[in-house]
Amino acid sequence: QVQLVESGGAVVQPGGSLRLSCAASGFSFRTYTMTWYRQAPDQERELVATIAAVVPGQIRYANSVKGRFTISRDNARNTVYLQMTNLKPEDTGVYFCTVLIPPARFFGQGTQVTVFS
């Protein structure tokens, strides 16, 4: 049974930093690409960052977070991270850890990030 458990969300001021974690279980973590999505209120879900299975591997970021967010993974701990710096109010949303294991994409329950003064 695939399980993804996110943590690390919080309320922070603009310019602040957070590190999100996603603990994975129920599948061979090291062989799958992991992705962070986010969803702001009344908006569609947006891809934030993705990291390929092989480390060092292909990493991709949304243009809106390039230079501020860093995705990484620890295959020994079955965990993927999202280090977020210089946070902006538009980064507010629920952040989801996901994995595509065909034919399904699995999501965690999400962790809330709120950025405001």
Protein backbone atom coordinates (compact mmCIF):
# COMPACT_ATOMS: atom_id res chain seq x y z
CA GLN A 1 0.00 0.00 0.00
CA VAL A 2 1.52 3.28 -1.14
CA GLN A 3 1.73 5.88 1.60
CA LEU A 4 3.08 9.41 1.39
CA VAL A 5 3.15 11.52 4.54
CA GLU A 6 4.07 15.18 4.26
CA SER A 7 5.20 17.37 7.13
CA GLY A 8 6.86 20.69 7.79
CA GLY A 9 4.19 23.14 6.73
CA ALA A 10 3.75 26.25 8.86
CA VAL A 11 2.85 29.92 8.91
CA VAL A 12 5.83 32.10 8.03
CA GLN A 13 6.49 35.70 7.16
CA PRO A 14 7.58 36.77 3.68
CA GLY A 15 11.28 36.12 3.22
CA GLY A 16 11.19 33.17 5.58
CA SER A 17 12.22 29.57 4.98
CA LEU A 18 10.69 26.15 5.48
CA ARG A 19 11.71 22.59 4.77
CA LEU A 20 8.99 20.15 3.84
CA SER A 21 9.49 16.41 4.17
CA CYS A 22 7.63 13.50 2.63
CA ALA A 23 8.07 10.04 4.06
CA ALA A 24 7.23 7.31 1.56
CA SER A 25 6.40 3.65 2.03
CA GLY A 26 4.74 0.77 0.24
CA PHE A 27 6.78 0.94 -2.96
CA SER A 28 10.39 0.85 -4.13
CA PHE A 29 11.13 4.50 -3.41
CA ARG A 30 14.56 4.62 -5.01
CA THR A 31 13.23 3.62 -8.43
CA TYR A 32 10.59 6.31 -8.86
CA THR A 33 10.57 9.98 -9.69
CA MET A 34 9.13 12.07 -6.88
CA THR A 35 7.24 15.32 -7.35
CA TRP A 36 5.95 18.15 -5.20
CA TYR A 37 2.74 19.87 -6.23
CA ARG A 38 0.92 22.71 -4.53
CA GLN A 39 -2.61 24.03 -4.62
CA ALA A 40 -3.66 27.51 -3.60
CA PRO A 41 -7.27 28.30 -2.70
CA ASP A 42 -9.50 28.40 -5.78
CA GLN A 43 -6.61 27.52 -8.07
CA GLU A 44 -5.56 24.43 -9.96
CA ARG A 45 -2.86 22.15 -8.66
CA GLU A 46 0.58 23.27 -9.82
CA LEU A 47 3.79 21.26 -10.25
CA VAL A 48 6.48 22.78 -8.03
CA ALA A 49 9.48 20.50 -8.38
CA THR A 50 10.37 17.00 -9.46
CA ILE A 51 13.41 14.80 -8.94
CA ALA A 52 14.26 11.70 -10.92
CA ALA A 53 14.94 8.31 -9.34
CA VAL A 54 18.65 8.32 -10.05
CA VAL A 55 20.71 10.71 -7.94
CA PRO A 56 22.23 12.89 -9.22
CA GLY A 57 19.37 12.95 -11.66
CA GLN A 58 17.11 15.22 -13.55
CA ILE A 59 15.55 17.94 -11.44
CA ARG A 60 12.94 20.36 -12.68
CA TYR A 61 11.30 23.39 -11.07
CA ALA A 62 8.37 25.61 -11.82
CA ASN A 63 9.60 28.98 -13.07
CA SER A 64 7.94 30.65 -10.09
CA VAL A 65 10.21 28.86 -7.58
CA LYS A 66 13.51 28.59 -9.46
CA GLY A 67 16.39 29.89 -7.38
CA ARG A 68 14.33 29.77 -4.17
CA PHE A 69 13.29 26.12 -3.75
CA THR A 70 15.47 23.03 -3.71
CA ILE A 71 14.19 19.48 -4.03
CA SER A 72 16.27 16.58 -2.77
CA ARG A 73 15.84 12.97 -1.78
CA ASP A 74 17.35 10.51 0.66
CA ASN A 75 16.85 7.02 -0.73
CA ALA A 76 18.15 5.44 2.48
CA ARG A 77 15.35 7.15 4.41
CA ASN A 78 12.67 6.88 1.69
CA THR A 79 12.17 10.62 2.03
CA VAL A 80 11.95 13.54 -0.36
CA TYR A 81 12.45 17.11 0.77
CA LEU A 82 11.55 20.56 -0.44
CA GLN A 83 13.71 23.35 0.96
CA MET A 84 11.93 26.65 0.46
CA THR A 85 13.64 30.02 0.94
CA ASN A 86 12.66 33.65 0.38
CA LEU A 87 9.02 32.65 0.67
CA LYS A 88 6.39 34.91 -0.86
CA PRO A 89 2.66 35.27 -0.16
CA GLU A 90 1.96 33.62 -3.53
CA ASP A 91 3.68 30.47 -2.24
CA THR A 92 0.75 29.94 0.10
CA GLY A 93 -1.07 26.67 -0.45
CA VAL A 94 -1.27 23.01 0.38
CA TYR A 95 1.86 21.15 -0.70
CA PHE A 96 1.52 17.56 -1.83
CA CYS A 97 4.11 14.87 -2.33
CA THR A 98 3.31 12.58 -5.25
CA VAL A 99 4.55 9.56 -7.13
CA LEU A 100 3.41 8.16 -10.44
CA ILE A 101 3.20 4.38 -10.37
CA PRO A 102 1.35 3.54 -13.58
CA PRO A 103 -1.50 3.71 -14.05
CA ALA A 104 -2.09 5.78 -10.93
CA ARG A 105 -0.59 8.94 -9.40
CA PHE A 106 -0.57 8.78 -5.63
CA PHE A 107 -0.78 11.84 -3.38
CA GLY A 108 -0.19 12.39 0.30
CA GLN A 109 -2.64 14.29 2.47
CA GLY A 110 -0.72 17.52 2.02
CA THR A 111 0.84 20.06 4.36
CA GLN A 112 -0.29 23.68 4.62
CA VAL A 113 2.13 26.51 3.95
CA THR A 114 0.93 30.02 4.70
CA VAL A 115 3.05 33.07 3.98
CA PHE A 116 1.81 36.40 5.27
CA SER A 117 2.93 39.33 7.34
